[in-house]
Every structure is written in C-alpha cells, then in structure tokens.
C-alpha cells in the first residue's frame, strides 16, 4: 500500500471508529493538525485510533511526545504507519 492509499484507508477507519456519520473522507484534512481540526478529536478518540493502529498494523506509539509527532497530521500518521507497520 502506498502513502495515498493508506491516507484514504485511514480516513475511512477514523470515520468508522469515531462514529462520525456526517463526515466524509474529503472532510478530513491531510496536512493539518488532527487534534485541532473540525473533527473534534479528543484524547479518548486518539486512544481509539491508537488501538486500531496496533490491531490493524501492529504499530505502537510509545509515549505522549511520540504521539504528538505522529498525530501532527494525517500525513504524518500515515508515514509513521508505513515505516513501522508489522513486516516492514
């Protein structure tokens, strides 16, 4: 899976996990801060996304500082997954 495919997949998974029925993948910004976007993602939502990343991709976010870097944008999240996923 390449970066753009993974970004689109992550958008869909985020919508499903966070139960955002009024949000489409096009509504999720690729290069802006996920935490300050119009999605109203809070710390509980981030935990749900982290659990999904571990289950789906075998990716672990080790601490809060790393989490801030990884969740800086959807693009940084996808790059982290590509670099650290199981089997890479």
PDB file of N, CA and C in Angstrom:
ATOM      1  N   UNK A   1       0.844  -1.174   0.000  1.00  0.00           N
ATOM      2  CA  UNK A   1       0.000   0.000   0.000  1.00  0.00           C
ATOM      3  C   UNK A   1       0.892   1.240   0.000  1.00  0.00           C
ATOM      4  N   UNK A   2       0.576   2.177  -0.864  1.00  0.00           N
ATOM      5  CA  UNK A   2       1.378   3.404  -0.895  1.00  0.00           C
ATOM      6  C   UNK A   2       0.770   4.457   0.042  1.00  0.00           C
ATOM      7  N   UNK A   3       1.441   5.576   0.156  1.00  0.00           N
ATOM      8  CA  UNK A   3       1.044   6.629   1.095  1.00  0.00           C
ATOM      9  C   UNK A   3      -0.386   7.117   0.847  1.00  0.00           C
ATOM     10  N   UNK A   4      -0.716   7.438  -0.400  1.00  0.00           N
ATOM     11  CA  UNK A   4      -2.041   7.991  -0.696  1.00  0.00           C
ATOM     12  C   UNK A   4      -3.146   6.975  -0.418  1.00  0.00           C
ATOM     13  N   UNK A   5      -2.901   5.699  -0.740  1.00  0.00           N
ATOM     14  CA  UNK A   5      -3.892   4.660  -0.445  1.00  0.00           C
ATOM     15  C   UNK A   5      -4.087   4.522   1.069  1.00  0.00           C
ATOM     16  N   UNK A   6      -2.988   4.553   1.809  1.00  0.00           N
ATOM     17  CA  UNK A   6      -3.077   4.433   3.252  1.00  0.00           C
ATOM     18  C   UNK A   6      -3.818   5.627   3.857  1.00  0.00           C
ATOM     19  N   UNK A   7      -3.554   6.826   3.361  1.00  0.00           N
ATOM     20  CA  UNK A   7      -4.261   8.014   3.855  1.00  0.00           C
ATOM     21  C   UNK A   7      -5.765   7.841   3.663  1.00  0.00           C
ATOM     22  N   UNK A   8      -6.188   7.401   2.494  1.00  0.00           N
ATOM     23  CA  UNK A   8      -7.618   7.207   2.241  1.00  0.00           C
ATOM     24  C   UNK A   8      -8.197   6.120   3.144  1.00  0.00           C
ATOM     25  N   UNK A   9      -7.450   5.042   3.351  1.00  0.00           N
ATOM     26  CA  UNK A   9      -7.889   3.967   4.243  1.00  0.00           C
ATOM     27  C   UNK A   9      -8.016   4.479   5.673  1.00  0.00           C
ATOM     28  N   UNK A  10      -7.035   5.248   6.130  1.00  0.00           N
ATOM     29  CA  UNK A  10      -7.081   5.787   7.489  1.00  0.00           C
ATOM     30  C   UNK A  10      -8.256   6.743   7.670  1.00  0.00           C
ATOM     31  N   UNK A  11      -8.553   7.540   6.653  1.00  0.00           N
ATOM     32  CA  UNK A  11      -9.714   8.434   6.740  1.00  0.00           C
ATOM     33  C   UNK A  11     -10.987   7.637   7.003  1.00  0.00           C
ATOM     34  N   UNK A  12     -11.169   6.569   6.248  1.00  0.00           N
ATOM     35  CA  UNK A  12     -12.371   5.734   6.396  1.00  0.00           C
ATOM     36  C   UNK A  12     -12.403   5.083   7.778  1.00  0.00           C
ATOM     37  N   UNK A  13     -11.260   4.571   8.230  1.00  0.00           N
ATOM     38  CA  UNK A  13     -11.199   3.928   9.546  1.00  0.00           C
ATOM     39  C   UNK A  13     -11.475   4.928  10.667  1.00  0.00           C
ATOM     40  N   UNK A  14     -10.963   6.137  10.543  1.00  0.00           N
ATOM     41  CA  UNK A  14     -11.204   7.165  11.559  1.00  0.00           C
ATOM     42  C   UNK A  14     -12.692   7.506  11.624  1.00  0.00           C
ATOM     43  N   UNK A  15     -13.326   7.635  10.481  1.00  0.00           N
ATOM     44  CA  UNK A  15     -14.763   7.921  10.442  1.00  0.00           C
ATOM     45  C   UNK A  15     -15.543   6.799  11.129  1.00  0.00           C
ATOM     46  N   UNK A  16     -15.170   5.548  10.828  1.00  0.00           N
ATOM     47  CA  UNK A  16     -15.874   4.407  11.417  1.00  0.00           C
ATOM     48  C   UNK A  16     -15.632   4.317  12.920  1.00  0.00           C
ATOM     49  N   UNK A  17     -14.374   4.392  13.327  1.00  0.00           N
ATOM     50  CA  UNK A  17     -14.015   4.237  14.738  1.00  0.00           C
ATOM     51  C   UNK A  17     -14.634   5.326  15.599  1.00  0.00           C
ATOM     52  N   UNK A  18     -14.618   6.547  15.113  1.00  0.00           N
ATOM     53  CA  UNK A  18     -15.112   7.672  15.900  1.00  0.00           C
ATOM     54  C   UNK A  18     -16.609   7.930  15.684  1.00  0.00           C
ATOM     55  N   UNK A  19     -17.219   7.060  14.869  1.00  0.00           N
ATOM     56  CA  UNK A  19     -18.656   7.162  14.613  1.00  0.00           C
ATOM     57  C   UNK A  19     -19.043   8.580  14.197  1.00  0.00           C
ATOM     58  N   UNK A  20     -18.521   8.975  13.043  1.00  0.00           N
ATOM     59  CA  UNK A  20     -18.745  10.323  12.508  1.00  0.00           C
ATOM     60  C   UNK A  20     -19.618  10.232  11.251  1.00  0.00           C
ATOM     61  N   UNK A  21     -20.916   9.999  11.405  1.00  0.00           N
ATOM     62  CA  UNK A  21     -21.778   9.761  10.244  1.00  0.00           C
ATOM     63  C   UNK A  21     -21.899  10.952   9.298  1.00  0.00           C
ATOM     64  N   UNK A  22     -21.672  12.162   9.790  1.00  0.00           N
ATOM     65  CA  UNK A  22     -21.819  13.345   8.946  1.00  0.00           C
ATOM     66  C   UNK A  22     -20.501  13.775   8.297  1.00  0.00           C
ATOM     67  N   UNK A  23     -19.447  12.979   8.482  1.00  0.00           N
ATOM     68  CA  UNK A  23     -18.124  13.312   7.951  1.00  0.00           C
ATOM     69  C   UNK A  23     -17.811  12.380   6.786  1.00  0.00           C
ATOM     70  N   UNK A  24     -17.252  12.944   5.728  1.00  0.00           N
ATOM     71  CA  UNK A  24     -16.794  12.140   4.593  1.00  0.00           C
ATOM     72  C   UNK A  24     -15.270  12.155   4.591  1.00  0.00           C
ATOM     73  N   UNK A  25     -14.642  11.210   3.894  1.00  0.00           N
ATOM     74  CA  UNK A  25     -13.178  11.231   3.814  1.00  0.00           C
ATOM     75  C   UNK A  25     -12.631  12.565   3.325  1.00  0.00           C
ATOM     76  N   UNK A  26     -13.344  13.224   2.432  1.00  0.00           N
ATOM     77  CA  UNK A  26     -12.890  14.526   1.912  1.00  0.00           C
ATOM     78  C   UNK A  26     -12.880  15.610   2.989  1.00  0.00           C
ATOM     79  N   UNK A  27     -13.649  15.409   4.055  1.00  0.00           N
ATOM     80  CA  UNK A  27     -13.707  16.391   5.143  1.00  0.00           C
ATOM     81  C   UNK A  27     -12.493  16.319   6.069  1.00  0.00           C
ATOM     82  N   UNK A  28     -11.725  15.250   5.991  1.00  0.00           N
ATOM     83  CA  UNK A  28     -10.597  15.073   6.901  1.00  0.00           C
ATOM     84  C   UNK A  28      -9.348  15.669   6.251  1.00  0.00           C
ATOM     85  N   UNK A  29      -8.769  16.678   6.878  1.00  0.00           N
ATOM     86  CA  UNK A  29      -7.583  17.327   6.298  1.00  0.00           C
ATOM     87  C   UNK A  29      -6.369  16.405   6.344  1.00  0.00           C
ATOM     88  N   UNK A  30      -5.580  16.449   5.300  1.00  0.00           N
ATOM     89  CA  UNK A  30      -4.407  15.578   5.211  1.00  0.00           C
ATOM     90  C   UNK A  30      -3.194  16.209   5.903  1.00  0.00           C
ATOM     91  N   UNK A  31      -3.056  17.518   5.780  1.00  0.00           N
ATOM     92  CA  UNK A  31      -1.843  18.169   6.265  1.00  0.00           C
ATOM     93  C   UNK A  31      -2.052  19.115   7.445  1.00  0.00           C
ATOM     94  N   UNK A  32      -3.256  19.156   8.030  1.00  0.00           N
ATOM     95  CA  UNK A  32      -3.431  19.994   9.217  1.00  0.00           C
ATOM     96  C   UNK A  32      -3.486  19.120  10.458  1.00  0.00           C
ATOM     97  N   UNK A  33      -3.298  19.762  11.582  1.00  0.00           N
ATOM     98  CA  UNK A  33      -3.263  19.082  12.872  1.00  0.00           C
ATOM     99  C   UNK A  33      -4.585  18.352  13.108  1.00  0.00           C
ATOM    100  N   UNK A  34      -4.502  17.040  13.299  1.00  0.00           N
ATOM    101  CA  UNK A  34      -5.708  16.250  13.528  1.00  0.00           C
ATOM    102  C   UNK A  34      -6.438  16.679  14.799  1.00  0.00           C
ATOM    103  N   UNK A  35      -5.684  17.026  15.812  1.00  0.00           N
ATOM    104  CA  UNK A  35      -6.285  17.372  17.097  1.00  0.00           C
ATOM    105  C   UNK A  35      -7.001  18.725  17.065  1.00  0.00           C
ATOM    106  N   UNK A  36      -6.597  19.615  16.193  1.00  0.00           N
ATOM    107  CA  UNK A  36      -7.254  20.928  16.154  1.00  0.00           C
ATOM    108  C   UNK A  36      -8.139  21.089  14.922  1.00  0.00           C
ATOM    109  N   UNK A  37      -8.443  19.982  14.270  1.00  0.00           N
ATOM    110  CA  UNK A  37      -9.302  20.045  13.088  1.00  0.00           C
ATOM    111  C   UNK A  37     -10.763  20.168  13.516  1.00  0.00           C
ATOM    112  N   UNK A  38     -11.638  20.286  12.556  1.00  0.00           N
ATOM    113  CA  UNK A  38     -13.072  20.408  12.825  1.00  0.00           C
ATOM    114  C   UNK A  38     -13.700  19.084  13.264  1.00  0.00           C
ATOM    115  N   UNK A  39     -12.901  18.047  13.365  1.00  0.00           N
ATOM    116  CA  UNK A  39     -13.424  16.738  13.742  1.00  0.00           C
ATOM    117  C   UNK A  39     -13.678  16.607  15.240  1.00  0.00           C
ATOM    118  N   UNK A  40     -13.174  17.546  16.034  1.00  0.00           N
ATOM    119  CA  UNK A  40     -13.326  17.496  17.489  1.00  0.00           C
ATOM    120  C   UNK A  40     -12.759  16.212  18.077  1.00  0.00           C
ATOM    121  N   UNK A  41     -11.571  15.832  17.631  1.00  0.00           N
ATOM    122  CA  UNK A  41     -10.905  14.644  18.163  1.00  0.00           C
ATOM    123  C   UNK A  41     -10.337  14.974  19.541  1.00  0.00           C
ATOM    124  N   UNK A  42     -10.710  14.170  20.526  1.00  0.00           N
ATOM    125  CA  UNK A  42     -10.189  14.373  21.877  1.00  0.00           C
ATOM    126  C   UNK A  42      -9.277  13.215  22.266  1.00  0.00           C
ATOM    127  N   UNK A  43      -8.814  13.210  23.497  1.00  0.00           N
ATOM    128  CA  UNK A  43      -7.840  12.201  23.920  1.00  0.00           C
ATOM    129  C   UNK A  43      -8.425  10.785  23.885  1.00  0.00           C
ATOM    130  N   UNK A  44      -9.698  10.630  24.173  1.00  0.00           N
ATOM    131  CA  UNK A  44     -10.340   9.309  24.097  1.00  0.00           C
ATOM    132  C   UNK A  44     -10.364   8.830  22.645  1.00  0.00           C
ATOM    133  N   UNK A  45     -10.659   9.731  21.724  1.00  0.00           N
ATOM    134  CA  UNK A  45     -10.653   9.390  20.299  1.00  0.00           C
ATOM    135  C   UNK A  45      -9.262   8.955  19.860  1.00  0.00           C
ATOM    136  N   UNK A  46      -8.255   9.664  20.334  1.00  0.00           N
ATOM    137  CA  UNK A  46      -6.879   9.317  19.990  1.00  0.00           C
ATOM    138  C   UNK A  46      -6.562   7.910  20.491  1.00  0.00           C
ATOM    139  N   UNK A  47      -7.002   7.586  21.700  1.00  0.00           N
ATOM    140  CA  UNK A  47      -6.775   6.237  22.226  1.00  0.00           C
ATOM    141  C   UNK A  47      -7.439   5.184  21.346  1.00  0.00           C
ATOM    142  N   UNK A  48      -8.639   5.462  20.877  1.00  0.00           N
ATOM    143  CA  UNK A  48      -9.322   4.523  19.984  1.00  0.00           C
ATOM    144  C   UNK A  48      -8.539   4.338  18.677  1.00  0.00           C
ATOM    145  N   UNK A  49      -7.998   5.415  18.146  1.00  0.00           N
ATOM    146  CA  UNK A  49      -7.199   5.331  16.918  1.00  0.00           C
ATOM    147  C   UNK A  49      -5.915   4.545  17.190  1.00  0.00           C
ATOM    148  N   UNK A  50      -5.284   4.779  18.334  1.00  0.00           N
ATOM    149  CA  UNK A  50      -4.062   4.058  18.691  1.00  0.00           C
ATOM    150  C   UNK A  50      -4.328   2.559  18.792  1.00  0.00           C
ATOM    151  N   UNK A  51      -5.457   2.187  19.376  1.00  0.00           N
ATOM    152  CA  UNK A  51      -5.818   0.768  19.475  1.00  0.00           C
ATOM    153  C   UNK A  51      -6.001   0.178  18.085  1.00  0.00           C
ATOM    154  N   UNK A  52      -6.670   0.908  17.198  1.00  0.00           N
ATOM    155  CA  UNK A  52      -6.853   0.442  15.821  1.00  0.00           C
ATOM    156  C   UNK A  52      -5.509   0.271  15.126  1.00  0.00           C
ATOM    157  N   UNK A  53      -4.585   1.216  15.310  1.00  0.00           N
ATOM    158  CA  UNK A  53      -3.274   1.125  14.668  1.00  0.00           C
ATOM    159  C   UNK A  53      -2.528  -0.126  15.129  1.00  0.00           C
ATOM    160  N   UNK A  54      -2.654  -0.425  16.408  1.00  0.00           N
ATOM    161  CA  UNK A  54      -1.988  -1.622  16.939  1.00  0.00           C
ATOM    162  C   UNK A  54      -2.614  -2.890  16.366  1.00  0.00           C
ATOM    163  N   UNK A  55      -3.942  -2.958  16.343  1.00  0.00           N
ATOM    164  CA  UNK A  55      -4.639  -4.150  15.849  1.00  0.00           C
ATOM    165  C   UNK A  55      -4.439  -4.355  14.355  1.00  0.00           C
ATOM    166  N   UNK A  56      -4.632  -3.283  13.597  1.00  0.00           N
ATOM    167  CA  UNK A  56      -4.616  -3.395  12.135  1.00  0.00           C
ATOM    168  C   UNK A  56      -3.212  -3.453  11.531  1.00  0.00           C
ATOM    169  N   UNK A  57      -2.286  -2.700  12.126  1.00  0.00           N
ATOM    170  CA  UNK A  57      -0.976  -2.540  11.504  1.00  0.00           C
ATOM    171  C   UNK A  57       0.192  -2.974  12.385  1.00  0.00           C
ATOM    172  N   UNK A  58      -0.074  -3.331  13.635  1.00  0.00           N
ATOM    173  CA  UNK A  58       0.993  -3.711  14.548  1.00  0.00           C
ATOM    174  C   UNK A  58       1.871  -2.544  14.949  1.00  0.00           C
ATOM    175  N   UNK A  59       1.322  -1.344  14.862  1.00  0.00           N
ATOM    176  CA  UNK A  59       2.073  -0.121  15.146  1.00  0.00           C
ATOM    177  C   UNK A  59       1.838   0.303  16.594  1.00  0.00           C
ATOM    178  N   UNK A  60       2.921   0.646  17.277  1.00  0.00           N
ATOM    179  CA  UNK A  60       2.843   1.074  18.670  1.00  0.00           C
ATOM    180  C   UNK A  60       3.342   2.513  18.787  1.00  0.00           C
ATOM    181  N   UNK A  61       2.603   3.314  19.513  1.00  0.00           N
ATOM    182  CA  UNK A  61       3.046   4.678  19.840  1.00  0.00           C
ATOM    183  C   UNK A  61       3.460   4.625  21.303  1.00  0.00           C
ATOM    184  N   UNK A  62       4.736   4.873  21.547  1.00  0.00           N
ATOM    185  CA  UNK A  62       5.335   4.576  22.845  1.00  0.00           C
ATOM    186  C   UNK A  62       5.069   5.591  23.939  1.00  0.00           C
ATOM    187  N   UNK A  63       4.900   6.851  23.594  1.00  0.00           N
ATOM    188  CA  UNK A  63       4.714   7.856  24.638  1.00  0.00           C
ATOM    189  C   UNK A  63       3.994   9.087  24.073  1.00  0.00           C
ATOM    190  N   UNK A  64       3.678  10.002  24.967  1.00  0.00           N
ATOM    191  CA  UNK A  64       2.918  11.191  24.598  1.00  0.00           C
ATOM    192  C   UNK A  64       3.662  12.063  23.585  1.00  0.00           C
ATOM    193  N   UNK A  65       4.968  12.214  23.773  1.00  0.00           N
ATOM    194  CA  UNK A  65       5.752  13.047  22.852  1.00  0.00           C
ATOM    195  C   UNK A  65       5.729  12.463  21.440  1.00  0.00           C
ATOM    196  N   UNK A  66       5.912  11.147  21.358  1.00  0.00           N
ATOM    197  CA  UNK A  66       5.862  10.498  20.051  1.00  0.00           C
ATOM    198  C   UNK A  66       4.458  10.640  19.457  1.00  0.00           C
ATOM    199  N   UNK A  67       3.444  10.512  20.295  1.00  0.00           N
ATOM    200  CA  UNK A  67       2.069  10.661  19.836  1.00  0.00           C
ATOM    201  C   UNK A  67       1.803  12.025  19.242  1.00  0.00           C
ATOM    202  N   UNK A  68       2.337  13.064  19.860  1.00  0.00           N
ATOM    203  CA  UNK A  68       2.160  14.424  19.323  1.00  0.00           C
ATOM    204  C   UNK A  68       2.757  14.539  17.934  1.00  0.00           C
ATOM    205  N   UNK A  69       3.934  13.935  17.738  1.00  0.00           N
ATOM    206  CA  UNK A  69       4.579  13.985  16.423  1.00  0.00           C
ATOM    207  C   UNK A  69       3.779  13.182  15.406  1.00  0.00           C
ATOM    208  N   UNK A  70       3.353  11.986  15.790  1.00  0.00           N
ATOM    209  CA  UNK A  70       2.639  11.103  14.872  1.00  0.00           C
ATOM    210  C   UNK A  70       1.285  11.695  14.480  1.00  0.00           C
ATOM    211  N   UNK A  71       0.571  12.298  15.438  1.00  0.00           N
ATOM    212  CA  UNK A  71      -0.750  12.851  15.173  1.00  0.00           C
ATOM    213  C   UNK A  71      -0.705  14.307  14.717  1.00  0.00           C
ATOM    214  N   UNK A  72       0.455  14.784  14.313  1.00  0.00           N
ATOM    215  CA  UNK A  72       0.565  16.157  13.819  1.00  0.00           C
ATOM    216  C   UNK A  72      -0.343  16.382  12.611  1.00  0.00           C
ATOM    217  N   UNK A  73      -0.503  15.361  11.784  1.00  0.00           N
ATOM    218  CA  UNK A  73      -1.411  15.429  10.638  1.00  0.00           C
ATOM    219  C   UNK A  73      -1.709  14.001  10.190  1.00  0.00           C
ATOM    220  N   UNK A  74      -2.679  13.869   9.326  1.00  0.00           N
ATOM    221  CA  UNK A  74      -2.987  12.546   8.785  1.00  0.00           C
ATOM    222  C   UNK A  74      -1.797  12.022   7.972  1.00  0.00           C
ATOM    223  N   UNK A  75      -1.096  12.918   7.291  1.00  0.00           N
ATOM    224  CA  UNK A  75       0.068  12.508   6.505  1.00  0.00           C
ATOM    225  C   UNK A  75       1.181  11.969   7.411  1.00  0.00           C
ATOM    226  N   UNK A  76       1.435  12.622   8.554  1.00  0.00           N
ATOM    227  CA  UNK A  76       2.476  12.124   9.456  1.00  0.00           C
ATOM    228  C   UNK A  76       2.043  10.801  10.088  1.00  0.00           C
ATOM    229  N   UNK A  77       0.754  10.648  10.350  1.00  0.00           N
ATOM    230  CA  UNK A  77       0.243   9.387  10.878  1.00  0.00           C
ATOM    231  C   UNK A  77       0.452   8.268   9.862  1.00  0.00           C
ATOM    232  N   UNK A  78       0.107   8.516   8.617  1.00  0.00           N
ATOM    233  CA  UNK A  78       0.277   7.509   7.567  1.00  0.00           C
ATOM    234  C   UNK A  78       1.752   7.169   7.362  1.00  0.00           C
ATOM    235  N   UNK A  79       2.604   8.173   7.383  1.00  0.00           N
ATOM    236  CA  UNK A  79       4.049   7.925   7.218  1.00  0.00           C
ATOM    237  C   UNK A  79       4.576   7.048   8.349  1.00  0.00           C
ATOM    238  N   UNK A  80       4.123   7.306   9.567  1.00  0.00           N
ATOM    239  CA  UNK A  80       4.550   6.513  10.722  1.00  0.00           C
ATOM    240  C   UNK A  80       4.090   5.059  10.572  1.00  0.00           C
ATOM    241  N   UNK A  81       2.859   4.875  10.125  1.00  0.00           N
ATOM    242  CA  UNK A  81       2.340   3.522   9.917  1.00  0.00           C
ATOM    243  C   UNK A  81       3.151   2.800   8.847  1.00  0.00           C
ATOM    244  N   UNK A  82       3.394   3.462   7.724  1.00  0.00           N
ATOM    245  CA  UNK A  82       4.167   2.826   6.651  1.00  0.00           C
ATOM    246  C   UNK A  82       5.556   2.413   7.122  1.00  0.00           C
ATOM    247  N   UNK A  83       6.180   3.260   7.912  1.00  0.00           N
ATOM    248  CA  UNK A  83       7.540   2.990   8.373  1.00  0.00           C
ATOM    249  C   UNK A  83       7.595   1.899   9.447  1.00  0.00           C
ATOM    250  N   UNK A  84       6.562   1.808  10.269  1.00  0.00           N
ATOM    251  CA  UNK A  84       6.613   0.947  11.451  1.00  0.00           C
ATOM    252  C   UNK A  84       5.650  -0.230  11.461  1.00  0.00           C
ATOM    253  N   UNK A  85       4.913  -0.420  10.391  1.00  0.00           N
ATOM    254  CA  UNK A  85       3.920  -1.497  10.415  1.00  0.00           C
ATOM    255  C   UNK A  85       4.582  -2.862  10.453  1.00  0.00           C
ATOM    256  N   UNK A  86       3.828  -3.806  10.958  1.00  0.00           N
ATOM    257  CA  UNK A  86       4.271  -5.190  11.041  1.00  0.00           C
ATOM    258  C   UNK A  86       4.805  -5.643   9.694  1.00  0.00           C
ATOM    259  N   UNK A  87       5.942  -6.286   9.698  1.00  0.00           N
ATOM    260  CA  UNK A  87       6.508  -6.812   8.470  1.00  0.00           C
ATOM    261  C   UNK A  87       7.304  -5.837   7.633  1.00  0.00           C
ATOM    262  N   UNK A  88       7.490  -4.603   8.126  1.00  0.00           N
ATOM    263  CA  UNK A  88       8.260  -3.639   7.327  1.00  0.00           C
ATOM    264  C   UNK A  88       9.697  -3.591   7.792  1.00  0.00           C
TER     265      UNK A  88
END
